[in-house]
Amino acid sequence: MSEQAGVAFVLGGGGILGSTQVGMLRALIERGIRPDLIVGTSVGALNGALIAAEPSLAAVHRLSTVWTSLSESGVFSSSVFSQAARLARHRTHLHSAEPLRALLDQHLPVRLIEELPVAFQTVAASIERASAHWFTAGSITDAVLASCAVPGLLPPAAVGHEHFLDGGLVDSIPVGRAVAMGMREVYVLHVGRIEQPLTPPRWPWQVGLVAFEIARRHRFVEDLASVPDGIRVHLLPSGAPDTPGVSVRYRNTSRVLGRIERAHQASGNYLDGVEQHR
């Protein structure tokens, strides 16, 4: 990790909306911005691990292909009958984590976090300890599966004698972690939700959505407010006119390419503006 540069990419959670981060990554790497550290939560852990393995345009293009072919990969593509059978059998989740494990094993050139050429960390929520757990060594696949274990959709991930749920429950956009690790320039790759203003709910179904979004954002807002002087934080724009608070259509990949392209254009424009003002 470079002590002089101290550049971090922080990738937040967001399910199928995580394709937005691919466009942001492309804009960053096209401009020669390379990370010394990547921290990711949930789908941000998936994207982050694959880029930590090779921070190049070729890897970004492969990641784009992964996203556009997500349906064919088998992740979240089981039939309604299979989902019902799995729910009846396990009572806790609709989908198996094995297709996601296979996807990671297929695209990762190394198996351990400490073997990655770029320092990588991801977070998950420990069930037994009711706290955040940061994975900084060991199996990349186990760590990413733990951070991606969306409650109700995927089973709790077992790592050793402990069980984990989605990292977004404890740190949805882990800016504070990057700062704590000594990074001086932090690029935040989110999925667009934080760009949408929150308003008081008007209907019963909106109450839960607003409450969930507050819970998801408050840590991020506090982290930003406590960033010390001298550390630059760049909140890359998603380019999306609107972003749903909850990804109900989490298996629909029809808008993946559009999200990638809009984020690439918007983030590229932002980065060019930053460079002009240096």
Foldseek 3Di string as FASTA:
>chain_A
DDLVAQEEEWEFDDFLLSLLLLLLLLLCVVVVNDHQEYEYFAVRLVVRQQCLQPSHNVSSVVVLVCSLCVCVLVQVNDDPVQQVVVCVVVVKARDECVSVLVVCVVRHPDFKQVPGNHFYKYWWQWPVVRAIDIDRIDGSSLRNCQQNAATHHYDFRDDPNITTHHRLQHARGPPLVSVVVPGQEYEYHYSAAVVDDDDDDDDPVVVVLSVVVCSSCVVVVVSVVPRDPRGHYHHQHQQDPDDDSHPPVSSDSPCSVVSSVSSNVRRNVVVVVVVVVD
